[in-house]
Amino acid sequence: MIAAGKHYSHAEMRRRLGDPTLVIGNVLPRIAFEEARIPGSISLPLDEVLGLARGMLPDLDQEIALYCGGPT
């Protein structure tokens, strides 16, 4: 089951860096990921996320935060 809607504050994301129970996915284009990224995040470009997600996120019950580059 995939649930949406939780928003993480900057402080919470900084506190949770390295937390093995949280996967951080960067949905920006791959070039942006290569230039700068949150440490430990994985690249899931928005235009590729449906094809990549199952292989890179085998446990969809785990906590997953998607990063899009700024406040939305």
Protein backbone atom coordinates (compact mmCIF):
# COMPACT_ATOMS: atom_id res chain seq x y z
CA MET A 1 0.00 0.00 0.00
CA ILE A 2 1.29 3.44 -0.87
CA ALA A 3 0.19 6.39 1.22
CA ALA A 4 0.91 9.99 0.36
CA GLY A 5 0.74 13.23 2.18
CA LYS A 6 3.34 13.30 4.94
CA HIS A 7 5.57 16.33 4.72
CA TYR A 8 9.00 16.29 6.32
CA SER A 9 10.52 19.46 7.71
CA HIS A 10 14.10 20.35 6.86
CA ALA A 11 15.04 19.70 10.50
CA GLU A 12 13.41 16.26 10.49
CA MET A 13 15.15 15.27 7.27
CA ARG A 14 18.53 16.37 8.67
CA ARG A 15 17.84 14.42 11.87
CA ARG A 16 16.87 11.30 9.92
CA LEU A 17 19.86 11.24 7.54
CA GLY A 18 21.39 7.80 7.86
CA ASP A 19 18.23 6.33 9.43
CA PRO A 20 17.95 2.86 7.85
CA THR A 21 14.16 2.88 8.24
CA LEU A 22 13.80 5.84 5.85
CA VAL A 23 14.60 5.76 2.13
CA ILE A 24 15.05 9.17 0.49
CA GLY A 25 14.32 9.23 -3.22
CA ASN A 26 15.35 12.20 -5.35
CA VAL A 27 12.84 12.68 -8.20
CA LEU A 28 14.79 15.46 -9.93
CA PRO A 29 16.37 14.72 -13.33
CA ARG A 30 19.43 12.47 -13.11
CA ILE A 31 21.80 15.35 -14.03
CA ALA A 32 20.56 17.34 -11.01
CA PHE A 33 21.09 14.27 -8.79
CA GLU A 34 24.64 13.90 -10.09
CA GLU A 35 25.41 17.57 -9.43
CA ALA A 36 24.10 17.66 -5.84
CA ARG A 37 22.01 15.38 -3.66
CA ILE A 38 21.01 14.58 -0.12
CA PRO A 39 23.59 12.15 1.28
CA GLY A 40 22.30 8.58 1.07
CA SER A 41 19.42 9.43 -1.28
CA ILE A 42 18.71 7.39 -4.40
CA SER A 43 17.99 8.73 -7.88
CA LEU A 44 14.41 8.13 -9.03
CA PRO A 45 13.88 10.72 -11.80
CA LEU A 46 10.19 11.53 -12.07
CA ASP A 47 10.03 10.52 -15.72
CA GLU A 48 11.54 7.11 -14.83
CA VAL A 49 10.07 6.49 -11.36
CA LEU A 50 7.44 3.95 -12.41
CA GLY A 51 10.02 1.78 -14.17
CA LEU A 52 12.69 2.09 -11.46
CA ALA A 53 10.71 2.08 -8.24
CA ARG A 54 10.05 -1.66 -7.93
CA GLY A 55 13.71 -2.56 -8.41
CA MET A 56 15.09 0.17 -6.19
CA LEU A 57 12.36 0.09 -3.54
CA PRO A 58 11.62 -3.61 -3.00
CA ASP A 59 9.83 -3.01 0.32
CA LEU A 60 6.98 -0.59 -0.39
CA ASP A 61 5.91 -0.85 3.25
CA GLN A 62 9.02 0.98 4.39
CA GLU A 63 9.00 4.72 4.93
CA ILE A 64 9.88 6.52 1.70
CA ALA A 65 10.40 10.26 1.35
CA LEU A 66 10.57 11.77 -2.13
CA TYR A 67 12.65 14.90 -2.59
CA CYS A 68 11.82 17.32 -5.39
CA GLY A 69 14.30 20.14 -4.85
CA GLY A 70 12.43 22.67 -2.78
CA PRO A 71 9.21 23.57 -1.02
CA THR A 72 6.09 22.54 -2.91
